[in-house]
Amino acid sequence: MRIWPGFLLTIGLMAEELAPIGIVRGVLTGCDATHLTIGDEDSHSFLFVTDARTFIERDHQRITCAKLASGDRMEIVSDRSSEPGARYARLVSVNPELRPRRRTPIVPRAPLKYEDPTLRFAPRGSLTFTGVVLRLESAGLVLRTRIDGEKWIVVRRDTSFREDGLPVEASSLQSSTRVFVRAGMNLDGQVEAYEVVWGQILTPSGLH
């Protein structure tokens, strides 16, 4: 197992920092066989649990923690973990292509649809997917995933969409966007989305 100097101390200092669920970007500060830590531009430090299912990639090639270096820029698809104070890293992309953050003009608009407050402590959906949106349709979207290939995902009337951690309308989602999807199976055996997340997330969206 590889442990960088100061890594154990870093873990202790990060006990109060819990990464949001979804896409998190930052700079690598430490990594070993079971954990990695990153820091973001707002001086937040986040701890992630990794295992054999965590996919770490650089230039679309799978690599191991031993190939990482402190200071590497990375994008992590984050999910829940049983370890207190840490999230689980599903996908780690090293040195992702830097994309300018889109800013949506603030204009008057109709209120967003009602969000069930129970989702904050009991979110629906036992399935999670990460990938790039290939096609958008009124009934759903086609997602290109690394493991499952192209996946058709049904969009419900109550599917929530979040960009940069904030609720947005479904029309804000564009093709070629990398997203994180929390989903479940409906009675027809189709995968349907409960939440679609993309963009930079620096503060928790309320899901813990």
N, C-alpha and C. Protein backbone atom coordinates (compact mmCIF):
# COMPACT_ATOMS: atom_id res chain seq x y z
N MET A 1 0.85 -1.20 0.00
CA MET A 1 0.00 0.00 0.00
C MET A 1 0.88 1.24 0.00
N ARG A 2 0.53 2.22 -0.83
CA ARG A 2 1.32 3.43 -0.95
C ARG A 2 0.68 4.54 -0.15
N ILE A 3 1.42 5.16 0.77
CA ILE A 3 0.90 6.27 1.57
C ILE A 3 1.85 7.45 1.41
N TRP A 4 1.35 8.59 1.01
CA TRP A 4 2.19 9.76 0.84
C TRP A 4 2.42 10.43 2.19
N PRO A 5 3.52 11.14 2.38
CA PRO A 5 3.78 11.84 3.65
C PRO A 5 2.65 12.80 3.98
N GLY A 6 2.22 12.73 5.22
CA GLY A 6 1.17 13.63 5.69
C GLY A 6 -0.23 13.20 5.34
N PHE A 7 -0.37 12.06 4.62
CA PHE A 7 -1.72 11.65 4.19
C PHE A 7 -2.61 11.32 5.37
N LEU A 8 -2.08 10.59 6.34
CA LEU A 8 -2.90 10.24 7.51
C LEU A 8 -3.31 11.49 8.27
N LEU A 9 -2.41 12.47 8.36
CA LEU A 9 -2.77 13.72 9.02
C LEU A 9 -3.85 14.44 8.26
N THR A 10 -3.76 14.39 6.93
CA THR A 10 -4.78 15.03 6.10
C THR A 10 -6.15 14.44 6.34
N ILE A 11 -6.22 13.10 6.46
CA ILE A 11 -7.51 12.44 6.73
C ILE A 11 -8.12 12.97 8.01
N GLY A 12 -7.29 13.11 9.04
CA GLY A 12 -7.80 13.60 10.31
C GLY A 12 -8.33 15.01 10.20
N LEU A 13 -7.63 15.87 9.42
CA LEU A 13 -8.05 17.25 9.29
C LEU A 13 -9.33 17.38 8.49
N MET A 14 -9.66 16.39 7.67
CA MET A 14 -10.83 16.48 6.79
C MET A 14 -12.08 15.88 7.39
N ALA A 15 -12.05 15.53 8.67
CA ALA A 15 -13.18 14.83 9.27
C ALA A 15 -14.48 15.63 9.16
N GLU A 16 -14.38 16.98 9.14
CA GLU A 16 -15.57 17.81 9.10
C GLU A 16 -15.99 18.17 7.67
N GLU A 17 -15.22 17.74 6.67
CA GLU A 17 -15.53 18.06 5.28
C GLU A 17 -16.19 16.86 4.61
N LEU A 18 -17.41 17.02 4.12
CA LEU A 18 -18.12 15.95 3.43
C LEU A 18 -18.44 16.42 2.03
N ALA A 19 -17.91 15.70 1.05
CA ALA A 19 -18.12 16.10 -0.35
C ALA A 19 -19.58 15.97 -0.74
N PRO A 20 -20.05 16.79 -1.68
CA PRO A 20 -21.41 16.63 -2.20
C PRO A 20 -21.51 15.36 -3.04
N ILE A 21 -22.73 14.93 -3.30
CA ILE A 21 -22.97 13.80 -4.18
C ILE A 21 -23.15 14.32 -5.60
N GLY A 22 -22.44 13.72 -6.51
CA GLY A 22 -22.49 14.16 -7.90
C GLY A 22 -21.09 14.33 -8.44
N ILE A 23 -20.84 15.41 -9.17
CA ILE A 23 -19.55 15.66 -9.79
C ILE A 23 -18.79 16.68 -8.95
N VAL A 24 -17.58 16.32 -8.53
CA VAL A 24 -16.74 17.19 -7.71
C VAL A 24 -15.39 17.34 -8.41
N ARG A 25 -14.89 18.56 -8.51
CA ARG A 25 -13.59 18.82 -9.14
C ARG A 25 -12.62 19.39 -8.13
N GLY A 26 -11.35 19.08 -8.31
CA GLY A 26 -10.34 19.62 -7.42
C GLY A 26 -8.96 19.11 -7.78
N VAL A 27 -8.01 19.33 -6.86
CA VAL A 27 -6.61 18.94 -7.05
C VAL A 27 -6.26 17.86 -6.04
N LEU A 28 -5.61 16.82 -6.48
CA LEU A 28 -5.25 15.69 -5.63
C LEU A 28 -4.24 16.13 -4.57
N THR A 29 -4.53 15.77 -3.30
CA THR A 29 -3.58 16.03 -2.21
C THR A 29 -3.05 14.76 -1.58
N GLY A 30 -3.71 13.63 -1.80
CA GLY A 30 -3.23 12.37 -1.23
C GLY A 30 -4.00 11.18 -1.77
N CYS A 31 -3.34 10.01 -1.82
CA CYS A 31 -3.97 8.81 -2.35
C CYS A 31 -3.25 7.58 -1.84
N ASP A 32 -4.02 6.55 -1.44
CA ASP A 32 -3.44 5.24 -1.15
C ASP A 32 -4.38 4.18 -1.71
N ALA A 33 -4.28 2.96 -1.26
CA ALA A 33 -5.05 1.87 -1.85
C ALA A 33 -6.55 1.97 -1.59
N THR A 34 -6.96 2.71 -0.57
CA THR A 34 -8.38 2.73 -0.20
C THR A 34 -8.97 4.12 -0.09
N HIS A 35 -8.18 5.17 -0.17
CA HIS A 35 -8.70 6.52 -0.03
C HIS A 35 -7.95 7.48 -0.96
N LEU A 36 -8.62 8.57 -1.29
CA LEU A 36 -7.93 9.70 -1.91
C LEU A 36 -8.58 10.98 -1.41
N THR A 37 -7.80 12.06 -1.43
CA THR A 37 -8.29 13.35 -0.98
C THR A 37 -8.01 14.39 -2.05
N ILE A 38 -8.93 15.36 -2.17
CA ILE A 38 -8.72 16.47 -3.10
C ILE A 38 -9.05 17.77 -2.39
N GLY A 39 -8.50 18.85 -2.90
CA GLY A 39 -8.83 20.18 -2.43
C GLY A 39 -9.35 21.00 -3.60
N ASP A 40 -10.36 21.85 -3.35
CA ASP A 40 -10.91 22.67 -4.42
C ASP A 40 -10.43 24.10 -4.31
N GLU A 41 -10.85 24.93 -5.26
CA GLU A 41 -10.36 26.31 -5.31
C GLU A 41 -10.88 27.16 -4.18
N ASP A 42 -11.87 26.69 -3.44
CA ASP A 42 -12.41 27.43 -2.29
C ASP A 42 -11.86 26.90 -0.97
N SER A 43 -10.75 26.16 -1.04
CA SER A 43 -10.05 25.65 0.15
C SER A 43 -10.84 24.60 0.90
N HIS A 44 -11.78 23.92 0.23
CA HIS A 44 -12.44 22.76 0.81
C HIS A 44 -11.58 21.53 0.55
N SER A 45 -11.51 20.63 1.53
CA SER A 45 -10.82 19.35 1.35
C SER A 45 -11.81 18.22 1.52
N PHE A 46 -11.80 17.24 0.61
CA PHE A 46 -12.78 16.17 0.62
C PHE A 46 -12.07 14.82 0.61
N LEU A 47 -12.61 13.89 1.36
CA LEU A 47 -12.08 12.53 1.46
C LEU A 47 -13.00 11.57 0.73
N PHE A 48 -12.41 10.68 -0.08
CA PHE A 48 -13.17 9.70 -0.85
C PHE A 48 -12.65 8.30 -0.57
N VAL A 49 -13.57 7.34 -0.49
CA VAL A 49 -13.23 5.92 -0.38
C VAL A 49 -13.13 5.35 -1.79
N THR A 50 -12.10 4.53 -2.03
CA THR A 50 -11.95 3.86 -3.32
C THR A 50 -11.82 2.35 -3.10
N ASP A 51 -12.18 1.58 -4.13
CA ASP A 51 -12.01 0.13 -4.07
C ASP A 51 -11.77 -0.38 -5.49
N ALA A 52 -11.87 -1.68 -5.68
CA ALA A 52 -11.57 -2.27 -6.98
C ALA A 52 -12.56 -1.84 -8.06
N ARG A 53 -13.74 -1.37 -7.66
CA ARG A 53 -14.75 -0.93 -8.63
C ARG A 53 -14.57 0.52 -9.04
N THR A 54 -13.77 1.27 -8.29
CA THR A 54 -13.51 2.66 -8.65
C THR A 54 -12.71 2.71 -9.95
N PHE A 55 -13.20 3.44 -10.94
CA PHE A 55 -12.53 3.53 -12.23
C PHE A 55 -11.73 4.83 -12.26
N ILE A 56 -10.39 4.70 -12.27
CA ILE A 56 -9.50 5.86 -12.35
C ILE A 56 -8.95 5.93 -13.78
N GLU A 57 -9.13 7.05 -14.46
CA GLU A 57 -8.71 7.15 -15.85
C GLU A 57 -7.89 8.40 -16.10
N ARG A 58 -6.96 8.27 -17.05
CA ARG A 58 -6.21 9.41 -17.58
C ARG A 58 -6.11 9.22 -19.09
N ASP A 59 -6.51 10.22 -19.85
CA ASP A 59 -6.50 10.12 -21.32
C ASP A 59 -7.27 8.90 -21.79
N HIS A 60 -8.40 8.60 -21.11
CA HIS A 60 -9.32 7.51 -21.46
C HIS A 60 -8.69 6.13 -21.24
N GLN A 61 -7.61 6.07 -20.46
CA GLN A 61 -6.98 4.80 -20.13
C GLN A 61 -7.05 4.59 -18.63
N ARG A 62 -7.42 3.35 -18.21
CA ARG A 62 -7.53 3.07 -16.79
C ARG A 62 -6.14 3.01 -16.17
N ILE A 63 -5.97 3.65 -14.99
CA ILE A 63 -4.70 3.65 -14.27
C ILE A 63 -4.97 3.33 -12.81
N THR A 64 -3.91 3.20 -12.02
CA THR A 64 -4.02 2.93 -10.59
C THR A 64 -3.58 4.15 -9.81
N CYS A 65 -3.82 4.09 -8.51
CA CYS A 65 -3.44 5.20 -7.64
C CYS A 65 -1.94 5.48 -7.73
N ALA A 66 -1.14 4.42 -7.94
CA ALA A 66 0.32 4.58 -8.01
C ALA A 66 0.74 5.50 -9.14
N LYS A 67 -0.12 5.69 -10.16
CA LYS A 67 0.20 6.54 -11.30
C LYS A 67 -0.21 7.99 -11.07
N LEU A 68 -0.84 8.27 -9.94
CA LEU A 68 -1.28 9.62 -9.65
C LEU A 68 -0.16 10.41 -8.98
N ALA A 69 -0.24 11.72 -9.08
CA ALA A 69 0.75 12.59 -8.46
C ALA A 69 0.02 13.74 -7.75
N SER A 70 0.56 14.13 -6.62
CA SER A 70 -0.02 15.26 -5.89
C SER A 70 -0.06 16.47 -6.81
N GLY A 71 -1.21 17.14 -6.85
CA GLY A 71 -1.38 18.29 -7.72
C GLY A 71 -2.14 17.97 -8.99
N ASP A 72 -2.37 16.69 -9.29
CA ASP A 72 -3.16 16.32 -10.46
C ASP A 72 -4.56 16.91 -10.33
N ARG A 73 -5.04 17.54 -11.41
CA ARG A 73 -6.42 18.01 -11.43
C ARG A 73 -7.32 16.84 -11.77
N MET A 74 -8.46 16.75 -11.12
CA MET A 74 -9.34 15.61 -11.35
C MET A 74 -10.80 15.96 -11.15
N GLU A 75 -11.62 15.11 -11.74
CA GLU A 75 -13.07 15.21 -11.64
C GLU A 75 -13.56 13.87 -11.09
N ILE A 76 -14.34 13.91 -10.03
CA ILE A 76 -14.78 12.68 -9.34
C ILE A 76 -16.30 12.61 -9.35
N VAL A 77 -16.82 11.46 -9.72
CA VAL A 77 -18.26 11.19 -9.57
C VAL A 77 -18.44 10.58 -8.19
N SER A 78 -19.09 11.32 -7.32
CA SER A 78 -19.18 10.99 -5.90
C SER A 78 -20.53 10.38 -5.56
N ASP A 79 -20.51 9.41 -4.64
CA ASP A 79 -21.75 8.78 -4.18
C ASP A 79 -21.64 8.51 -2.69
N ARG A 80 -22.70 7.98 -2.10
CA ARG A 80 -22.72 7.71 -0.67
C ARG A 80 -21.70 6.64 -0.28
N SER A 81 -21.23 6.73 0.96
CA SER A 81 -20.29 5.75 1.50
C SER A 81 -20.71 5.42 2.92
N SER A 82 -20.43 4.19 3.35
CA SER A 82 -20.74 3.79 4.73
C SER A 82 -19.71 4.33 5.72
N GLU A 83 -18.62 4.89 5.21
CA GLU A 83 -17.57 5.41 6.08
C GLU A 83 -17.88 6.85 6.48
N PRO A 84 -17.99 7.15 7.77
CA PRO A 84 -18.31 8.51 8.20
C PRO A 84 -17.29 9.51 7.69
N GLY A 85 -17.78 10.67 7.25
CA GLY A 85 -16.89 11.73 6.81
C GLY A 85 -16.31 11.55 5.43
N ALA A 86 -16.74 10.53 4.69
CA ALA A 86 -16.18 10.27 3.37
C ALA A 86 -17.28 9.94 2.38
N ARG A 87 -17.02 10.18 1.10
CA ARG A 87 -17.89 9.75 0.02
C ARG A 87 -17.19 8.63 -0.75
N TYR A 88 -17.96 7.93 -1.55
CA TYR A 88 -17.40 6.86 -2.40
C TYR A 88 -17.11 7.43 -3.78
N ALA A 89 -15.92 7.16 -4.32
CA ALA A 89 -15.54 7.62 -5.65
C ALA A 89 -15.87 6.55 -6.67
N ARG A 90 -16.85 6.79 -7.54
CA ARG A 90 -17.21 5.83 -8.59
C ARG A 90 -16.30 5.98 -9.81
N LEU A 91 -16.06 7.21 -10.21
CA LEU A 91 -15.24 7.47 -11.39
C LEU A 91 -14.30 8.63 -11.08
N VAL A 92 -13.02 8.45 -11.36
CA VAL A 92 -12.02 9.50 -11.16
C VAL A 92 -11.37 9.78 -12.51
N SER A 93 -11.57 10.98 -13.04
CA SER A 93 -10.98 11.38 -14.31
C SER A 93 -9.84 12.35 -14.00
N VAL A 94 -8.62 11.98 -14.38
CA VAL A 94 -7.44 12.79 -14.08
C VAL A 94 -7.20 13.79 -15.21
N ASN A 95 -6.91 15.04 -14.81
CA ASN A 95 -6.65 16.10 -15.78
C ASN A 95 -7.76 16.19 -16.83
N PRO A 96 -9.03 16.30 -16.39
CA PRO A 96 -10.12 16.40 -17.37
C PRO A 96 -9.98 17.67 -18.18
N GLU A 97 -10.55 17.65 -19.38
CA GLU A 97 -10.52 18.84 -20.23
C GLU A 97 -11.22 19.97 -19.52
N LEU A 98 -10.55 21.09 -19.43
CA LEU A 98 -11.13 22.23 -18.74
C LEU A 98 -12.20 22.86 -19.61
N ARG A 99 -13.39 22.96 -19.06
CA ARG A 99 -14.51 23.54 -19.80
C ARG A 99 -14.99 24.78 -19.06
N PRO A 100 -15.24 25.88 -19.77
CA PRO A 100 -15.73 27.08 -19.08
C PRO A 100 -17.09 26.82 -18.46
N ARG A 101 -17.29 27.35 -17.28
CA ARG A 101 -18.57 27.18 -16.61
C ARG A 101 -19.61 28.08 -17.27
N ARG A 102 -20.74 27.50 -17.59
CA ARG A 102 -21.80 28.27 -18.21
C ARG A 102 -22.57 29.03 -17.15
N ARG A 103 -22.83 30.28 -17.40
CA ARG A 103 -23.59 31.10 -16.48
C ARG A 103 -24.95 31.41 -17.10
N THR A 104 -26.01 31.05 -16.42
CA THR A 104 -27.35 31.30 -16.92
C THR A 104 -27.82 32.66 -16.45
N PRO A 105 -28.21 33.54 -17.36
CA PRO A 105 -28.68 34.87 -16.95
C PRO A 105 -29.84 34.74 -15.96
N ILE A 106 -29.86 35.63 -15.00
CA ILE A 106 -30.94 35.63 -14.02
C ILE A 106 -32.11 36.41 -14.60
N VAL A 107 -33.17 35.71 -14.97
CA VAL A 107 -34.35 36.34 -15.54
C VAL A 107 -35.57 35.77 -14.85
N PRO A 108 -36.65 36.51 -14.78
CA PRO A 108 -37.88 35.98 -14.17
C PRO A 108 -38.35 34.74 -14.91
N ARG A 109 -38.79 33.75 -14.18
CA ARG A 109 -39.30 32.55 -14.80
C ARG A 109 -40.30 31.88 -13.88
N ALA A 110 -41.02 30.93 -14.42
CA ALA A 110 -42.01 30.22 -13.62
C ALA A 110 -41.32 29.43 -12.52
N PRO A 111 -41.97 29.27 -11.35
CA PRO A 111 -41.37 28.51 -10.27
C PRO A 111 -41.05 27.09 -10.71
N LEU A 112 -39.97 26.55 -10.18
CA LEU A 112 -39.63 25.16 -10.46
C LEU A 112 -40.64 24.24 -9.82
N LYS A 113 -40.74 23.05 -10.37
CA LYS A 113 -41.71 22.10 -9.84
C LYS A 113 -41.38 21.74 -8.39
N TYR A 114 -42.40 21.37 -7.64
CA TYR A 114 -42.27 21.03 -6.23
C TYR A 114 -41.32 19.86 -6.03
N GLU A 115 -40.44 19.97 -5.04
CA GLU A 115 -39.54 18.89 -4.70
C GLU A 115 -39.97 18.26 -3.38
N ASP A 116 -40.13 16.97 -3.39
CA ASP A 116 -40.54 16.26 -2.19
C ASP A 116 -39.46 16.39 -1.12
N PRO A 117 -39.76 17.01 0.07
CA PRO A 117 -38.72 17.20 1.09
C PRO A 117 -38.21 15.89 1.67
N THR A 118 -38.95 14.79 1.54
CA THR A 118 -38.48 13.52 2.08
C THR A 118 -37.27 13.00 1.32
N LEU A 119 -37.05 13.52 0.09
CA LEU A 119 -35.91 13.05 -0.70
C LEU A 119 -34.59 13.47 -0.07
N ARG A 120 -34.62 14.45 0.84
CA ARG A 120 -33.39 14.92 1.45
C ARG A 120 -32.81 13.88 2.40
N PHE A 121 -33.66 13.04 2.98
CA PHE A 121 -33.13 12.03 3.89
C PHE A 121 -33.44 10.61 3.43
N ALA A 122 -34.28 10.45 2.40
CA ALA A 122 -34.59 9.12 1.87
C ALA A 122 -34.72 9.18 0.36
N PRO A 123 -33.62 9.47 -0.34
CA PRO A 123 -33.70 9.59 -1.80
C PRO A 123 -34.09 8.29 -2.48
N ARG A 124 -34.80 8.42 -3.59
CA ARG A 124 -35.22 7.25 -4.34
C ARG A 124 -34.14 6.84 -5.31
N GLY A 125 -34.22 5.59 -5.75
CA GLY A 125 -33.31 5.14 -6.79
C GLY A 125 -32.12 4.39 -6.25
N SER A 126 -32.00 3.12 -6.62
CA SER A 126 -30.87 2.30 -6.17
C SER A 126 -29.81 2.17 -7.25
N LEU A 127 -30.05 2.78 -8.44
CA LEU A 127 -29.11 2.69 -9.56
C LEU A 127 -28.44 4.04 -9.79
N THR A 128 -27.16 4.02 -10.13
CA THR A 128 -26.46 5.25 -10.47
C THR A 128 -25.68 5.04 -11.77
N PHE A 129 -25.65 6.07 -12.59
CA PHE A 129 -24.93 6.02 -13.86
C PHE A 129 -24.16 7.32 -14.04
N THR A 130 -23.02 7.23 -14.69
CA THR A 130 -22.30 8.41 -15.10
C THR A 130 -21.90 8.24 -16.56
N GLY A 131 -21.97 9.30 -17.31
CA GLY A 131 -21.64 9.21 -18.72
C GLY A 131 -21.92 10.51 -19.44
N VAL A 132 -21.87 10.46 -20.76
CA VAL A 132 -22.07 11.64 -21.60
C VAL A 132 -23.40 11.53 -22.32
N VAL A 133 -24.18 12.60 -22.31
CA VAL A 133 -25.48 12.63 -22.98
C VAL A 133 -25.27 12.65 -24.49
N LEU A 134 -25.76 11.62 -25.16
CA LEU A 134 -25.66 11.54 -26.62
C LEU A 134 -26.85 12.18 -27.32
N ARG A 135 -28.03 11.97 -26.75
CA ARG A 135 -29.25 12.45 -27.41
C ARG A 135 -30.31 12.76 -26.37
N LEU A 136 -31.05 13.83 -26.59
CA LEU A 136 -32.12 14.24 -25.70
C LEU A 136 -33.45 14.15 -26.43
N GLU A 137 -34.43 13.55 -25.79
CA GLU A 137 -35.78 13.47 -26.35
C GLU A 137 -36.77 13.88 -25.27
N SER A 138 -38.00 14.11 -25.66
CA SER A 138 -38.99 14.55 -24.69
C SER A 138 -39.26 13.48 -23.63
N ALA A 139 -39.12 12.21 -24.01
CA ALA A 139 -39.42 11.13 -23.08
C ALA A 139 -38.20 10.65 -22.30
N GLY A 140 -37.00 11.05 -22.69
CA GLY A 140 -35.83 10.57 -21.99
C GLY A 140 -34.55 11.00 -22.67
N LEU A 141 -33.47 10.32 -22.32
CA LEU A 141 -32.17 10.66 -22.89
C LEU A 141 -31.36 9.39 -23.11
N VAL A 142 -30.42 9.46 -24.05
CA VAL A 142 -29.49 8.37 -24.31
C VAL A 142 -28.15 8.75 -23.69
N LEU A 143 -27.67 7.90 -22.79
CA LEU A 143 -26.43 8.16 -22.07
C LEU A 143 -25.36 7.17 -22.51
N ARG A 144 -24.19 7.67 -22.86
CA ARG A 144 -23.08 6.79 -23.19
C ARG A 144 -22.27 6.54 -21.93
N THR A 145 -22.31 5.30 -21.42
CA THR A 145 -21.61 4.93 -20.20
C THR A 145 -20.39 4.08 -20.53
N ARG A 146 -19.46 4.06 -19.60
CA ARG A 146 -18.23 3.30 -19.83
C ARG A 146 -18.48 1.80 -19.69
N ILE A 147 -19.35 1.40 -18.78
CA ILE A 147 -19.55 -0.02 -18.50
C ILE A 147 -20.70 -0.60 -19.33
N ASP A 148 -21.82 0.12 -19.41
CA ASP A 148 -23.03 -0.41 -20.05
C ASP A 148 -23.22 0.05 -21.48
N GLY A 149 -22.28 0.81 -22.03
CA GLY A 149 -22.46 1.32 -23.39
C GLY A 149 -23.57 2.37 -23.43
N GLU A 150 -24.35 2.39 -24.50
CA GLU A 150 -25.45 3.35 -24.61
C GLU A 150 -26.64 2.88 -23.78
N LYS A 151 -27.16 3.77 -22.97
CA LYS A 151 -28.24 3.43 -22.04
C LYS A 151 -29.38 4.43 -22.25
N TRP A 152 -30.58 3.88 -22.51
CA TRP A 152 -31.79 4.70 -22.60
C TRP A 152 -32.34 4.90 -21.20
N ILE A 153 -32.56 6.15 -20.82
CA ILE A 153 -33.06 6.47 -19.49
C ILE A 153 -34.31 7.34 -19.63
N VAL A 154 -35.39 6.88 -19.05
CA VAL A 154 -36.66 7.59 -19.10
C VAL A 154 -36.61 8.79 -18.14
N VAL A 155 -37.12 9.92 -18.59
CA VAL A 155 -37.24 11.11 -17.75
C VAL A 155 -38.67 11.22 -17.25
N ARG A 156 -38.85 11.24 -15.94
CA ARG A 156 -40.16 11.34 -15.32
C ARG A 156 -40.61 12.81 -15.27
N ARG A 157 -41.88 13.00 -14.97
CA ARG A 157 -42.37 14.37 -14.81
C ARG A 157 -41.76 15.03 -13.58
N ASP A 158 -41.38 14.21 -12.57
CA ASP A 158 -40.80 14.77 -11.35
C ASP A 158 -39.28 14.58 -11.27
N THR A 159 -38.63 14.22 -12.39
CA THR A 159 -37.18 14.13 -12.39
C THR A 159 -36.58 15.49 -12.08
N SER A 160 -35.63 15.54 -11.14
CA SER A 160 -34.99 16.81 -10.80
C SER A 160 -33.68 16.95 -11.56
N PHE A 161 -33.36 18.18 -11.96
CA PHE A 161 -32.14 18.49 -12.69
C PHE A 161 -31.36 19.53 -11.90
N ARG A 162 -30.04 19.29 -11.76
CA ARG A 162 -29.20 20.23 -11.00
C ARG A 162 -27.94 20.54 -11.81
N GLU A 163 -27.67 21.83 -11.96
CA GLU A 163 -26.43 22.28 -12.59
C GLU A 163 -25.67 23.13 -11.60
N ASP A 164 -24.39 22.81 -11.41
CA ASP A 164 -23.56 23.52 -10.43
C ASP A 164 -24.21 23.52 -9.05
N GLY A 165 -24.93 22.43 -8.72
CA GLY A 165 -25.53 22.28 -7.40
C GLY A 165 -26.87 22.95 -7.22
N LEU A 166 -27.39 23.64 -8.27
CA LEU A 166 -28.64 24.38 -8.15
C LEU A 166 -29.73 23.76 -9.03
N PRO A 167 -30.98 23.76 -8.57
CA PRO A 167 -32.07 23.23 -9.38
C PRO A 167 -32.26 24.06 -10.65
N VAL A 168 -32.44 23.38 -11.78
CA VAL A 168 -32.68 24.05 -13.06
C VAL A 168 -33.78 23.31 -13.80
N GLU A 169 -34.24 23.91 -14.89
CA GLU A 169 -35.23 23.27 -15.75
C GLU A 169 -34.55 22.19 -16.59
N ALA A 170 -35.34 21.23 -17.06
CA ALA A 170 -34.79 20.16 -17.90
C ALA A 170 -34.17 20.71 -19.17
N SER A 171 -34.69 21.83 -19.67
CA SER A 171 -34.18 22.41 -20.91
C SER A 171 -32.74 22.91 -20.78
N SER A 172 -32.23 23.03 -19.55
CA SER A 172 -30.85 23.49 -19.35
C SER A 172 -29.84 22.41 -19.73
N LEU A 173 -30.27 21.16 -19.75
CA LEU A 173 -29.36 20.07 -20.09
C LEU A 173 -29.11 20.03 -21.59
N GLN A 174 -27.83 19.93 -21.98
CA GLN A 174 -27.45 19.91 -23.38
C GLN A 174 -26.77 18.58 -23.71
N SER A 175 -26.81 18.20 -24.98
CA SER A 175 -26.09 17.01 -25.41
C SER A 175 -24.59 17.22 -25.23
N SER A 176 -23.84 16.12 -25.13
CA SER A 176 -22.39 16.12 -24.92
C SER A 176 -21.99 16.55 -23.52
N THR A 177 -22.96 16.65 -22.60
CA THR A 177 -22.67 16.99 -21.22
C THR A 177 -22.43 15.73 -20.41
N ARG A 178 -21.39 15.72 -19.59
CA ARG A 178 -21.17 14.58 -18.69
C ARG A 178 -22.06 14.75 -17.47
N VAL A 179 -22.82 13.73 -17.13
CA VAL A 179 -23.80 13.83 -16.05
C VAL A 179 -23.68 12.64 -15.10
N PHE A 180 -24.24 12.82 -13.94
CA PHE A 180 -24.41 11.77 -12.94
C PHE A 180 -25.91 11.58 -12.77
N VAL A 181 -26.39 10.34 -12.88
CA VAL A 181 -27.84 10.06 -12.84
C VAL A 181 -28.13 9.08 -11.71
N ARG A 182 -29.09 9.46 -10.86
CA ARG A 182 -29.63 8.53 -9.87
C ARG A 182 -30.96 8.03 -10.40
N ALA A 183 -31.11 6.72 -10.48
CA ALA A 183 -32.27 6.16 -11.19
C ALA A 183 -32.80 4.91 -10.49
N GLY A 184 -33.88 4.37 -11.04
CA GLY A 184 -34.47 3.13 -10.56
C GLY A 184 -35.23 2.46 -11.70
N MET A 185 -35.76 1.30 -11.44
CA MET A 185 -36.53 0.56 -12.45
C MET A 185 -38.01 0.82 -12.23
N ASN A 186 -38.73 1.09 -13.33
CA ASN A 186 -40.18 1.25 -13.21
C ASN A 186 -40.88 -0.08 -13.43
N LEU A 187 -42.20 -0.07 -13.41
CA LEU A 187 -42.97 -1.32 -13.52
C LEU A 187 -42.85 -1.95 -14.90
N ASP A 188 -42.42 -1.17 -15.89
CA ASP A 188 -42.24 -1.70 -17.24
C ASP A 188 -40.83 -2.21 -17.48
N GLY A 189 -40.01 -2.21 -16.42
CA GLY A 189 -38.64 -2.69 -16.56
C GLY A 189 -37.70 -1.69 -17.19
N GLN A 190 -38.11 -0.43 -17.28
CA GLN A 190 -37.27 0.61 -17.86
C GLN A 190 -36.51 1.34 -16.75
N VAL A 191 -35.33 1.83 -17.11
CA VAL A 191 -34.57 2.67 -16.18
C VAL A 191 -35.13 4.08 -16.26
N GLU A 192 -35.52 4.65 -15.12
CA GLU A 192 -36.06 6.00 -15.11
C GLU A 192 -35.25 6.85 -14.13
N ALA A 193 -35.02 8.10 -14.50
CA ALA A 193 -34.17 9.00 -13.72
C ALA A 193 -34.98 9.72 -12.65
N TYR A 194 -34.41 9.76 -11.44
CA TYR A 194 -34.98 10.56 -10.37
C TYR A 194 -34.22 11.89 -10.22
N GLU A 195 -32.91 11.83 -10.55
CA GLU A 195 -32.11 13.05 -10.44
C GLU A 195 -30.99 13.01 -11.48
N VAL A 196 -30.77 14.14 -12.16
CA VAL A 196 -29.68 14.28 -13.13
C VAL A 196 -28.84 15.48 -12.70
N VAL A 197 -27.53 15.24 -12.51
CA VAL A 197 -26.64 16.27 -11.95
C VAL A 197 -25.47 16.48 -12.91
N TRP A 198 -25.06 17.73 -13.09
CA TRP A 198 -23.86 18.02 -13.89
C TRP A 198 -23.29 19.37 -13.46
N GLY A 199 -22.09 19.64 -13.97
CA GLY A 199 -21.43 20.92 -13.67
C GLY A 199 -20.61 20.84 -12.41
N GLN A 200 -20.08 21.98 -11.98
CA GLN A 200 -19.24 22.07 -10.80
C GLN A 200 -20.12 22.17 -9.57
N ILE A 201 -19.82 21.34 -8.57
CA ILE A 201 -20.59 21.33 -7.33
C ILE A 201 -19.62 21.59 -6.20
N LEU A 202 -19.82 22.72 -5.52
CA LEU A 202 -18.90 23.06 -4.44
C LEU A 202 -19.56 22.99 -3.07
N THR A 203 -20.90 22.94 -3.05
CA THR A 203 -21.61 22.83 -1.78
C THR A 203 -22.64 21.73 -1.90
N PRO A 204 -22.96 21.02 -0.79
CA PRO A 204 -23.92 19.92 -0.86
C PRO A 204 -25.26 20.41 -1.36
N SER A 205 -25.92 19.53 -2.14
CA SER A 205 -27.23 19.87 -2.69
C SER A 205 -28.36 19.53 -1.74
N GLY A 206 -28.04 19.05 -0.52
CA GLY A 206 -29.07 18.68 0.43
C GLY A 206 -29.21 17.19 0.57
N LEU A 207 -28.54 16.40 -0.29
CA LEU A 207 -28.60 14.96 -0.20
C LEU A 207 -27.36 14.47 0.53
N HIS A 208 -27.54 13.78 1.62
CA HIS A 208 -26.43 13.28 2.43
C HIS A 208 -26.53 11.78 2.59
